[in-house]
Protein backbone atom coordinates (compact mmCIF):
# COMPACT_ATOMS: atom_id res chain seq x y z
CA UNK A 1 113.00 99.85 87.15
CA UNK A 2 115.47 97.09 88.03
CA UNK A 3 118.98 97.86 86.74
CA UNK A 4 119.98 95.87 83.64
CA UNK A 5 122.98 94.39 85.48
CA UNK A 6 120.72 93.04 88.17
CA UNK A 7 118.28 91.65 85.63
CA UNK A 8 121.14 89.97 83.72
CA UNK A 9 122.51 88.47 87.00
CA UNK A 10 119.16 87.05 87.98
CA UNK A 11 118.41 85.52 84.61
CA UNK A 12 121.83 84.05 84.38
CA UNK A 13 121.39 82.59 87.86
CA UNK A 14 118.17 80.90 86.63
CA UNK A 15 119.95 79.53 83.54
CA UNK A 16 117.95 81.77 81.24
CA UNK A 17 120.87 82.63 79.01
CA UNK A 18 121.38 82.63 75.17
CA UNK A 19 124.20 80.21 75.79
CA UNK A 20 121.57 77.61 76.62
CA UNK A 21 118.80 76.10 74.49
CA UNK A 22 115.73 77.97 75.66
CA UNK A 23 113.29 76.47 73.18
CA UNK A 24 111.29 74.55 75.84
CA UNK A 25 111.94 76.66 78.88
CA UNK A 26 108.81 78.33 80.35
CA UNK A 27 109.24 81.58 82.23
CA UNK A 28 106.93 83.96 84.09
CA UNK A 29 107.46 87.51 85.25
CA UNK A 30 104.64 88.05 87.68
CA UNK A 31 104.78 91.95 87.81
CA UNK A 32 105.61 93.29 84.44
CA UNK A 33 105.87 96.96 85.13
CA UNK A 34 108.10 98.52 82.50
CA UNK A 35 109.27 95.13 81.30
CA UNK A 36 112.78 94.99 82.73
CA UNK A 37 112.72 91.18 82.80
CA UNK A 38 110.42 90.14 79.98
CA UNK A 39 112.11 92.41 77.35
CA UNK A 40 115.50 91.02 78.26
CA UNK A 41 114.15 87.50 78.12
CA UNK A 42 112.88 88.16 74.59
CA UNK A 43 116.33 89.27 73.51
CA UNK A 44 117.91 86.20 75.01
CA UNK A 45 115.32 83.93 73.54
CA UNK A 46 115.91 85.39 70.08
CA UNK A 47 119.72 84.87 70.42
CA UNK A 48 119.21 81.31 71.70
CA UNK A 49 116.90 80.49 68.69
CA UNK A 50 119.50 81.74 66.32
CA UNK A 51 122.34 79.72 68.07
CA UNK A 52 120.30 76.45 68.51
CA UNK A 53 118.27 76.75 65.39
CA UNK A 54 114.71 76.51 66.82
CA UNK A 55 111.52 78.45 65.92
CA UNK A 56 111.59 81.73 67.87
CA UNK A 57 107.93 82.54 67.32
CA UNK A 58 106.85 79.11 68.49
CA UNK A 59 109.00 79.47 71.60
CA UNK A 60 107.48 82.87 72.46
CA UNK A 61 104.40 81.02 73.80
CA UNK A 62 106.65 79.86 76.71
CA UNK A 63 106.92 83.38 78.06
CA UNK A 64 104.40 85.39 80.06
CA UNK A 65 104.29 88.52 82.19
CA UNK A 66 101.40 89.83 84.32
CA UNK A 67 100.44 93.40 84.76
CA UNK A 68 97.48 94.65 86.84
CA UNK A 69 97.43 98.29 85.69
CA UNK A 70 95.76 98.62 82.21
CA UNK A 71 97.83 101.62 81.16
CA UNK A 72 101.07 99.88 82.05
CA UNK A 73 99.98 96.67 80.37
CA UNK A 74 99.24 98.62 77.23
CA UNK A 75 102.60 100.33 77.26
CA UNK A 76 104.32 97.00 78.00
CA UNK A 77 102.70 95.37 74.97
CA UNK A 78 103.84 98.24 72.77
CA UNK A 79 107.40 97.76 73.97
CA UNK A 80 107.14 94.04 73.25
CA UNK A 81 105.73 94.53 69.81
CA UNK A 82 108.49 97.02 69.01
CA UNK A 83 111.18 94.54 70.09
CA UNK A 84 109.64 91.67 68.25
CA UNK A 85 109.48 93.73 65.08
CA UNK A 86 113.18 94.47 65.43
CA UNK A 87 113.82 90.67 65.52
CA UNK A 88 111.93 90.23 62.23
CA UNK A 89 108.58 89.01 63.62
CA UNK A 90 105.69 89.88 61.18
CA UNK A 91 102.53 91.26 62.78
CA UNK A 92 103.88 91.18 66.34
CA UNK A 93 100.41 92.11 67.67
CA UNK A 94 99.66 88.39 67.37
CA UNK A 95 101.64 87.97 70.59
CA UNK A 96 99.50 90.32 72.73
CA UNK A 97 98.98 87.27 74.98
CA UNK A 98 102.56 87.63 76.29
CA UNK A 99 101.04 90.15 78.71
CA UNK A 100 98.29 88.88 81.03
CA UNK A 101 96.39 91.89 82.07
CA UNK A 102 95.01 91.26 85.57
CA UNK A 103 95.88 90.28 89.16
CA UNK A 104 98.65 87.69 89.26
CA UNK A 105 97.43 86.58 92.64
CA UNK A 106 94.06 85.35 91.38
CA UNK A 107 94.93 84.48 87.79
CA UNK A 108 94.64 80.92 86.47
CA UNK A 109 98.07 80.11 85.14
CA UNK A 110 100.06 77.06 83.99
CA UNK A 111 103.20 75.92 85.77
CA UNK A 112 106.62 77.38 84.83
CA UNK A 113 110.24 76.35 84.94
CA UNK A 114 111.29 79.84 86.04
CA UNK A 115 109.50 82.60 87.89
CA UNK A 116 111.67 85.80 88.04
CA UNK A 117 111.13 89.44 88.74
CA UNK A 118 110.54 92.22 91.17
CA UNK A 119 107.17 91.80 92.97
CA UNK A 120 105.37 95.01 93.97
CA UNK A 121 105.78 96.56 97.34
CA UNK A 122 102.33 97.51 98.67
CA UNK A 123 102.05 98.07 102.40
CA UNK A 124 99.23 96.29 104.23
CA UNK A 125 97.38 99.61 104.91
CA UNK A 126 97.20 100.34 101.17
CA UNK A 127 95.74 97.03 100.07
CA UNK A 128 91.95 97.24 99.52
CA UNK A 129 90.03 95.50 102.29
CA UNK A 130 88.29 93.21 99.87
CA UNK A 131 91.56 92.08 98.45
CA UNK A 132 93.00 91.43 101.93
CA UNK A 133 90.11 89.05 102.72
CA UNK A 134 90.59 87.25 99.43
CA UNK A 135 94.39 86.93 99.84
CA UNK A 136 94.03 85.67 103.46
CA UNK A 137 91.65 82.91 102.33
CA UNK A 138 93.95 81.84 99.51
CA UNK A 139 97.44 82.17 100.95
CA UNK A 140 98.56 80.62 104.18
CA UNK A 141 101.53 82.99 104.45
CA UNK A 142 99.48 86.22 104.11
CA UNK A 143 99.11 86.90 107.79
CA UNK A 144 99.14 89.86 110.13
CA UNK A 145 100.22 93.06 108.42
CA UNK A 146 101.70 91.41 105.40
CA UNK A 147 103.00 93.39 102.44
CA UNK A 148 101.60 92.27 99.11
CA UNK A 149 104.87 90.65 98.07
CA UNK A 150 104.36 87.90 100.63
CA UNK A 151 101.44 86.60 98.59
CA UNK A 152 103.56 86.97 95.42
CA UNK A 153 106.07 84.57 96.91
CA UNK A 154 103.53 81.82 97.77
CA UNK A 155 101.68 82.14 94.50
CA UNK A 156 104.90 81.85 92.52
CA UNK A 157 105.96 78.91 94.48
CA UNK A 158 102.74 77.15 93.74
CA UNK A 159 103.36 77.60 89.98
CA UNK A 160 106.87 76.15 89.94
CA UNK A 161 107.52 72.95 88.04
CA UNK A 162 109.62 70.13 89.57
CA UNK A 163 113.20 71.38 89.20
CA UNK A 164 112.05 74.92 88.69
CA UNK A 165 113.48 78.13 90.14
CA UNK A 166 112.03 81.20 91.71
CA UNK A 167 114.30 84.30 91.80
CA UNK A 168 112.92 87.55 93.21
CA UNK A 169 114.50 90.83 94.02
CA UNK A 170 112.49 92.17 96.92
CA UNK A 171 112.54 93.97 100.24
CA UNK A 172 114.17 91.68 102.80
CA UNK A 173 111.93 92.79 105.81
CA UNK A 174 110.02 89.52 105.57
CA UNK A 175 113.17 87.66 106.62
CA UNK A 176 112.95 89.27 110.12
CA UNK A 177 109.49 90.77 110.56
CA UNK A 178 106.56 89.03 112.32
CA UNK A 179 104.35 89.11 109.16
CA UNK A 180 107.09 87.11 107.38
CA UNK A 181 106.98 84.21 109.83
CA UNK A 182 104.69 81.89 107.87
CA UNK A 183 106.66 82.53 104.60
CA UNK A 184 109.91 81.75 106.37
CA UNK A 185 108.45 78.63 107.84
CA UNK A 186 107.17 77.55 104.39
CA UNK A 187 110.50 78.08 102.68
CA UNK A 188 112.62 76.48 105.39
CA UNK A 189 110.54 73.30 105.58
CA UNK A 190 109.17 72.79 102.08
CA UNK A 191 111.77 74.38 99.75
CA UNK A 192 115.45 74.90 99.22
CA UNK A 193 116.86 78.42 99.44
CA UNK A 194 120.40 77.91 98.02
CA UNK A 195 121.43 81.55 98.30
CA UNK A 196 120.41 85.09 99.30
CA UNK A 197 122.14 88.25 98.01
CA UNK A 198 121.93 91.32 100.17
CA UNK A 199 121.65 94.49 98.01
CA UNK A 200 120.87 96.93 100.93
CA UNK A 201 123.98 99.06 100.23
CA UNK A 202 123.79 98.79 96.41
CA UNK A 203 121.79 100.88 93.92
CA UNK A 204 119.81 97.97 92.38
CA UNK A 205 117.15 100.21 90.67
CA UNK A 206 117.37 103.03 88.20
CA UNK A 207 115.39 105.28 90.46
CA UNK A 208 115.83 105.94 94.24
CA UNK A 209 114.01 103.19 96.14
CA UNK A 210 113.51 103.45 99.91
CA UNK A 211 113.69 99.80 100.67
CA UNK A 212 116.18 97.08 101.63
CA UNK A 213 116.36 94.73 98.68
CA UNK A 214 117.77 91.31 98.54
CA UNK A 215 117.80 88.74 95.74
CA UNK A 216 116.59 85.32 96.82
CA UNK A 217 116.80 82.08 94.94
CA UNK A 218 114.27 79.33 95.81
CA UNK A 219 113.82 75.82 94.38
CA UNK A 220 111.20 73.07 95.12
CA UNK A 221 113.72 70.47 96.08
CA UNK A 222 115.39 68.91 99.17
CA UNK A 223 116.49 71.67 101.47
CA UNK A 224 120.14 72.43 102.07
CA UNK A 225 122.34 75.09 103.51
CA UNK A 226 121.76 78.66 102.48
CA UNK A 227 124.72 80.80 101.20
CA UNK A 228 124.64 84.47 101.96
CA UNK A 229 126.31 87.28 100.06
CA UNK A 230 126.48 91.03 100.59
CA UNK A 231 127.57 93.58 97.99
CA UNK A 232 127.95 97.39 98.02
CA UNK A 233 128.07 97.99 94.32
CA UNK A 234 126.21 96.48 91.41
CA UNK A 235 129.52 95.89 89.56
CA UNK A 236 130.34 93.28 92.22
CA UNK A 237 127.63 90.99 90.81
CA UNK A 238 130.11 89.33 88.43
CA UNK A 239 132.34 88.16 91.31
CA UNK A 240 129.30 86.91 93.19
CA UNK A 241 128.31 84.90 90.10
CA UNK A 242 131.72 83.20 90.28
CA UNK A 243 131.21 82.37 93.95
CA UNK A 244 127.88 80.75 93.14
CA UNK A 245 129.68 78.45 90.81
CA UNK A 246 132.79 77.55 92.85
CA UNK A 247 131.54 78.25 96.38
CA UNK A 248 134.80 79.88 97.44
CA UNK A 249 134.65 82.07 100.56
CA UNK A 250 130.90 81.60 100.93
CA UNK A 251 129.19 81.62 104.34
CA UNK A 252 126.53 78.85 104.49
CA UNK A 253 124.05 78.04 107.19
CA UNK A 254 120.85 76.08 107.83
CA UNK A 255 117.68 78.18 108.17
CA UNK A 256 115.54 77.67 111.26
CA UNK A 257 112.40 75.59 110.68
CA UNK A 258 110.14 77.24 113.19
CA UNK A 259 109.70 80.57 111.31
CA UNK A 260 111.99 82.51 113.63
CA UNK A 261 113.83 85.52 112.05
CA UNK A 262 116.65 84.70 109.73
CA UNK A 263 120.05 85.88 110.93
CA UNK A 264 122.21 85.72 107.83
CA UNK A 265 125.68 86.36 106.67
CA UNK A 266 129.17 86.06 107.99
CA UNK A 267 128.87 89.17 110.18
CA UNK A 268 126.04 87.32 111.99
CA UNK A 269 128.61 84.70 113.05
CA UNK A 270 127.82 81.37 114.58
CA UNK A 271 126.58 82.60 117.88
CA UNK A 272 126.44 79.03 119.29
CA UNK A 273 129.35 79.44 121.72
CA UNK A 274 128.36 78.06 125.06
CA UNK A 275 129.87 80.94 127.02
CA UNK A 276 127.40 83.46 125.42
CA UNK A 277 123.92 83.70 126.86
CA UNK A 278 120.80 85.76 126.64
CA UNK A 279 120.17 88.94 128.60
CA UNK A 280 117.18 87.67 130.63
CA UNK A 281 118.93 84.40 131.54
CA UNK A 282 121.27 86.52 133.71
CA UNK A 283 118.49 87.95 135.94
CA UNK A 284 117.55 91.00 133.87
CA UNK A 285 114.07 91.87 132.70
CA UNK A 286 113.24 93.49 129.33
CA UNK A 287 110.04 95.59 129.25
CA UNK A 288 108.29 98.28 127.23
CA UNK A 289 106.72 101.49 128.46
CA UNK A 290 103.06 102.38 128.67
CA UNK A 291 100.76 102.61 125.69
CA UNK A 292 97.90 105.01 126.61
CA UNK A 293 95.64 104.84 123.50
CA UNK A 294 95.39 108.62 123.44
CA UNK A 295 98.78 110.22 124.15
CA UNK A 296 97.63 113.88 123.73
CA UNK A 297 95.13 113.34 126.61
CA UNK A 298 97.14 111.20 128.98
CA UNK A 299 100.57 112.79 128.32
CA UNK A 300 101.67 116.42 128.53
CA UNK A 301 103.83 119.08 130.15
CA UNK A 302 100.91 121.26 131.28
CA UNK A 303 99.30 118.41 133.26
CA UNK A 304 100.86 119.61 136.55
CA UNK A 305 98.66 122.68 136.35
CA UNK A 306 95.53 120.78 135.43
CA UNK A 307 95.18 117.58 137.48
CA UNK A 308 96.14 116.33 140.96
CA UNK A 309 99.90 115.70 141.52
CA UNK A 310 99.36 112.25 142.96
CA UNK A 311 98.06 110.87 139.59
CA UNK A 312 101.04 112.01 137.69
CA UNK A 313 104.34 110.23 136.87
CA UNK A 314 107.21 111.95 135.09
CA UNK A 315 107.46 110.26 131.65
CA UNK A 316 110.54 109.70 129.48
CA UNK A 317 109.89 109.90 125.73
CA UNK A 318 112.19 108.70 122.90
CA UNK A 319 113.13 112.27 122.12
CA UNK A 320 114.35 112.68 125.69
CA UNK A 321 117.18 110.21 125.00
CA UNK A 322 119.87 112.14 123.26
CA UNK A 323 123.33 110.63 122.56
CA UNK A 324 123.47 108.58 125.74
CA UNK A 325 121.93 111.36 127.91
CA UNK A 326 118.50 111.74 129.40
CA UNK A 327 117.31 115.24 128.69
CA UNK A 328 113.81 115.27 130.20
CA UNK A 329 111.34 117.50 128.32
CA UNK A 330 109.00 117.85 131.32
CA UNK A 331 106.24 115.50 130.16
CA UNK A 332 104.01 113.58 132.62
CA UNK A 333 101.64 110.65 132.18
CA UNK A 334 98.34 110.28 134.06
CA UNK A 335 98.12 107.06 136.09
CA UNK A 336 94.41 106.21 136.12
CA UNK A 337 94.92 103.16 138.43
CA UNK A 338 94.96 102.89 142.18
CA UNK A 339 98.64 102.73 143.15
CA UNK A 340 100.00 99.40 142.15
CA UNK A 341 96.67 97.68 141.43
CA UNK A 342 94.46 97.03 138.43
CA UNK A 343 91.62 98.99 139.93
CA UNK A 344 90.82 102.33 138.40
CA UNK A 345 90.79 105.48 140.36
CA UNK A 346 87.39 106.67 141.72
CA UNK A 347 87.11 109.87 139.72
CA UNK A 348 84.90 111.70 142.31
CA UNK A 349 87.86 111.61 144.71
CA UNK A 350 89.95 113.58 142.09
CA UNK A 351 87.78 116.50 140.93
CA UNK A 352 90.46 118.12 138.78
CA UNK A 353 91.20 114.87 137.05
CA UNK A 354 87.50 114.15 136.66
CA UNK A 355 86.94 117.56 135.01
CA UNK A 356 89.98 117.08 132.78
CA UNK A 357 88.84 113.59 131.54
CA UNK A 358 85.21 114.70 130.98
CA UNK A 359 86.56 117.49 128.70
CA UNK A 360 87.79 114.70 126.38
CA UNK A 361 85.15 112.08 127.19
CA UNK A 362 84.09 111.61 123.53
CA UNK A 363 87.60 110.86 122.37
CA UNK A 364 88.29 108.61 125.36
CA UNK A 365 85.08 106.56 124.95
CA UNK A 366 85.71 106.20 121.21
CA UNK A 367 88.84 104.11 121.77
CA UNK A 368 88.66 100.33 121.12
CA UNK A 369 89.59 99.53 124.73
CA UNK A 370 86.84 101.77 126.03
CA UNK A 371 84.22 100.21 123.67
CA UNK A 372 85.22 96.75 124.99
CA UNK A 373 84.62 97.88 128.63
CA UNK A 374 82.60 101.07 128.71
CA UNK A 375 82.95 101.42 132.50
CA UNK A 376 86.76 101.64 132.03
CA UNK A 377 86.55 104.46 129.54
CA UNK A 378 89.34 106.47 131.09
CA UNK A 379 91.93 103.65 131.55
CA UNK A 380 95.15 103.47 129.60
CA UNK A 381 95.77 100.50 127.22
CA UNK A 382 98.52 99.22 129.50
CA UNK A 383 98.50 99.08 133.25
CA UNK A 384 100.86 101.42 134.92
CA UNK A 385 103.15 100.06 137.64
CA UNK A 386 104.60 102.98 139.62
CA UNK A 387 107.49 100.89 140.94
CA UNK A 388 108.97 100.80 137.39
CA UNK A 389 109.44 104.55 137.63
CA UNK A 390 111.40 104.11 140.94
CA UNK A 391 113.51 101.27 139.64
CA UNK A 392 117.04 101.79 138.21
CA UNK A 393 116.95 100.85 134.53
CA UNK A 394 118.52 101.09 131.13
CA UNK A 395 116.45 102.98 128.54
CA UNK A 396 116.44 102.25 124.81
CA UNK A 397 114.25 104.06 122.26
CA UNK A 398 112.50 101.64 119.88
CA UNK A 399 114.28 103.09 116.80
CA UNK A 400 117.81 104.43 116.99
CA UNK A 401 120.89 104.57 114.91
CA UNK A 402 123.70 105.09 117.36
CA UNK A 403 124.83 102.63 120.08
CA UNK A 404 124.38 104.88 123.12
CA UNK A 405 122.33 103.44 126.07
CA UNK A 406 120.82 105.66 128.78
CA UNK A 407 120.79 104.80 132.47
CA UNK A 408 117.96 106.11 134.64
CA UNK A 409 118.55 105.83 138.38
CA UNK A 410 114.86 105.66 139.09
CA UNK A 411 113.19 108.99 138.24
CA UNK A 412 111.03 108.33 135.12
CA UNK A 413 108.34 106.08 133.66
CA UNK A 414 109.01 104.91 130.07
CA UNK A 415 106.74 105.70 127.13
CA UNK A 416 105.62 102.81 124.91
CA UNK A 417 108.23 103.72 122.29
CA UNK A 418 110.93 103.13 124.95
CA UNK A 419 112.15 99.76 126.02
CA UNK A 420 113.75 99.30 129.43
CA UNK A 421 115.91 96.73 131.19
CA UNK A 422 115.82 96.19 134.96
CA UNK A 423 117.44 93.77 137.34
CA UNK A 424 120.64 93.22 139.37
CA UNK A 425 122.77 95.85 141.02
CA UNK A 426 123.31 99.29 139.55
CA UNK A 427 126.86 98.30 138.56
CA UNK A 428 125.58 95.25 136.72
CA UNK A 429 123.03 97.32 134.89
CA UNK A 430 125.80 99.70 133.85
CA UNK A 431 128.01 96.76 132.82
CA UNK A 432 125.09 95.38 130.74
CA UNK A 433 124.69 98.87 129.23
CA UNK A 434 128.34 98.92 128.18
CA UNK A 435 128.04 95.59 126.50
CA UNK A 436 124.87 96.72 124.74
CA UNK A 437 126.77 99.76 123.44
CA UNK A 438 129.46 97.62 121.85
CA UNK A 439 129.96 96.82 118.13
CA UNK A 440 129.69 93.15 119.19
CA UNK A 441 126.03 93.67 120.14
CA UNK A 442 125.24 96.27 117.51
CA UNK A 443 126.18 93.88 114.77
CA UNK A 444 123.91 91.26 116.29
CA UNK A 445 121.09 93.77 116.41
CA UNK A 446 121.47 94.65 112.80
CA UNK A 447 121.22 90.99 111.92
CA UNK A 448 118.07 90.25 113.91
CA UNK A 449 116.27 93.58 113.53
CA UNK A 450 114.38 95.17 110.67
CA UNK A 451 116.65 97.98 109.36
CA UNK A 452 114.69 101.20 108.94
CA UNK A 453 115.37 103.80 106.26
CA UNK A 454 118.57 105.64 107.16
CA UNK A 455 120.13 102.64 108.88
CA UNK A 456 118.18 102.84 112.03
CA UNK A 457 117.81 99.67 114.08
CA UNK A 458 114.68 98.57 116.02
CA UNK A 459 115.74 97.79 119.63
CA UNK A 460 112.54 95.89 120.33
CA UNK A 461 112.18 93.34 123.16
CA UNK A 462 112.03 90.37 120.75
CA UNK A 463 115.26 91.44 119.17
CA UNK A 464 117.00 92.15 122.49
CA UNK A 465 116.00 88.64 123.66
CA UNK A 466 117.95 87.13 120.72
CA UNK A 467 121.16 88.90 121.61
CA UNK A 468 123.97 86.80 123.22
CA UNK A 469 126.45 88.31 125.59
CA UNK A 470 129.17 87.03 127.98
CA UNK A 471 128.23 85.74 131.38
CA UNK A 472 128.71 88.81 133.60
CA UNK A 473 129.53 86.84 136.71
CA UNK A 474 132.43 85.16 134.95
CA UNK A 475 134.08 88.36 133.79
CA UNK A 476 137.16 89.61 135.70
CA UNK A 477 136.41 92.43 138.14
CA UNK A 478 139.04 94.66 136.46
CA UNK A 479 137.30 94.25 133.09
CA UNK A 480 133.86 94.96 134.61
CA UNK A 481 135.18 98.02 136.42
CA UNK A 482 136.67 99.54 133.20
CA UNK A 483 133.55 98.77 131.18
CA UNK A 484 131.33 100.47 133.79
CA UNK A 485 133.58 103.59 133.79
CA UNK A 486 133.49 103.56 129.93
CA UNK A 487 129.68 103.33 130.00
CA UNK A 488 129.43 106.26 132.38
CA UNK A 489 131.53 108.35 130.02
CA UNK A 490 129.73 107.11 126.95
CA UNK A 491 133.01 105.91 125.45
CA UNK A 492 132.13 103.31 122.80
CA UNK A 493 135.80 103.10 121.65
CA UNK A 494 137.07 101.98 125.02
CA UNK A 495 134.04 99.60 125.40
CA UNK A 496 134.96 97.99 122.07
CA UNK A 497 138.55 97.64 123.02
CA UNK A 498 137.88 96.12 126.41
CA UNK A 499 135.13 93.77 125.34
CA UNK A 500 136.98 92.78 122.22
CA UNK A 501 140.07 91.95 124.20
CA UNK A 502 138.09 89.91 126.74
CA UNK A 503 136.19 87.94 124.06
CA UNK A 504 139.24 87.12 121.99
CA UNK A 505 141.84 86.62 124.72
CA UNK A 506 139.77 84.35 126.92
CA UNK A 507 141.23 81.03 125.91
CA UNK A 508 138.74 78.69 127.56
CA UNK A 509 135.72 80.47 129.11
CA UNK A 510 133.85 78.25 131.66
CA UNK A 511 131.10 76.28 130.01
CA UNK A 512 127.47 76.97 130.88
CA UNK A 513 124.25 75.31 129.93
CA UNK A 514 123.91 74.43 126.21
CA UNK A 515 120.35 75.80 126.17
CA UNK A 516 121.66 79.38 126.12
CA UNK A 517 122.02 79.67 122.32
CA UNK A 518 120.84 81.93 119.55
CA UNK A 519 118.19 80.18 117.52
CA UNK A 520 119.70 80.92 114.08
CA UNK A 521 119.52 77.30 112.97
CA UNK A 522 119.94 73.75 114.01
CA UNK A 523 123.62 72.83 113.73
CA UNK A 524 124.45 70.23 111.15
CA UNK A 525 127.50 68.02 111.03
CA UNK A 526 129.71 69.28 108.23
CA UNK A 527 133.29 70.24 107.54
CA UNK A 528 134.00 73.84 108.57
CA UNK A 529 137.00 75.34 106.85
CA UNK A 530 136.92 78.31 109.20
CA UNK A 531 137.53 76.25 112.31
CA UNK A 532 139.44 73.20 111.01
CA UNK A 533 142.85 72.97 112.69
CA UNK A 534 142.23 75.90 114.97
CA UNK A 535 143.30 75.18 118.60
CA UNK A 536 140.39 77.41 119.89
CA UNK A 537 137.61 77.61 117.17
CA UNK A 538 135.42 79.69 119.35
CA UNK A 539 138.11 82.30 119.86
CA UNK A 540 138.73 82.53 116.09
CA UNK A 541 134.97 82.90 115.19
CA UNK A 542 134.52 85.66 117.72
CA UNK A 543 137.58 87.44 116.54
CA UNK A 544 136.37 87.34 112.92
CA UNK A 545 133.02 88.67 114.00
CA UNK A 546 134.56 91.59 115.83
CA UNK A 547 136.70 92.46 112.89
CA UNK A 548 133.50 92.80 110.80
């Protein structure tokens, strides 16, 4: 259940306080649960009625909560009846209608001044197929592998009155994930998101919750800049409430309108400096390893003894990348293609491979890719390009917590859970590896990536493409040499010192094309207290970012 301090903060932020006349304010809690919000609303409404002398029982009809589960709905009604009885209401069962028992997403409801609460977290795989079809038809934002709370956002927005407010505490994955794109686009173009409060590090719930919650405030009015806050303890909410009022020390930015992931907060910094560019704009290529569609058939350590050597490539798995080192576990992948082409091998020419594949023919033919093209029943999902194995490259497992990057001189082919970067000389690859190991990049990755449980970051290609780094050709040779040496030693401390000094001491880096920018938001003309009066605003912003 949401902690009472968080509930109080959210209700106060919406203006639902006993200090205000609540006699005509309509409020909906779309997922009642144990009643964390609606019970507190009843307490506040009773105090407001006493203070402003209006009919409490009449005003009760302005409140509603929804609960899908019949047992929870019954328990919630009992809790409401008990609280109403304490306030002096006779026959509180008359107000059973305060709880709407049913699916909020398909219920026919009136409009409300306030929608507030904690929408349920139900992963896409756990939503019944029939409901998925229904929700896709009804909600434009419910796309891909959407969690149920995506639909809870859109439905709540459709119920807001003019001048209303929606305030949810919810997982913040939708702000960066692909399934949240349509919701981000809807909010950034049709609504105002005045602020977002990151509670990832705070205990916002009474029980342990394995999620990354944020509180988001949304209003159906002209869009403006979004303020972003981050707290580590629930008792910091009072200070945040003060910042909401006076705006002191608040980082504000415009949200992108194209649905791209939201990079929020002061630690995300304004990565608009024209001397910072993308990785691929400097001649590097970001790729991902091979997806086979049946790893336990195509991949294994024993394959050397089972099939012909010429169809095997040594494969690097995520678990082979340990603290900046490549500790190969001896796995191989079968390459079912003629060398470098899209043509499949002629199995009769490889009797051992043919016998091996036929021993698993049922499993291989049952794959989606094989059903699409039955004659290609023994191909991998992805084509295999043997030259990738022989190419020097940086290797990054999809999910990792530390900042170490592995260099492969050209011995292994990457698995589909391993991303790789190729291009340029070996020294330039190692220089890039050093920069990718820095706090400067790691903070960017945390801002554009979905953060997994335990603080792990997803180093996916779409996230790597949003990272901005210095132009390598413009860096002094002495700096590059020291960074390469530090990379070879895996010394993140030296890398941070060298790169930090370079970024903050370079007084006027040469300008490059203005197209090399991180698409966090379109820049608006406004006063910027951070940079006003600063001889070198870029230098100061980068310094603040590096300092965290």
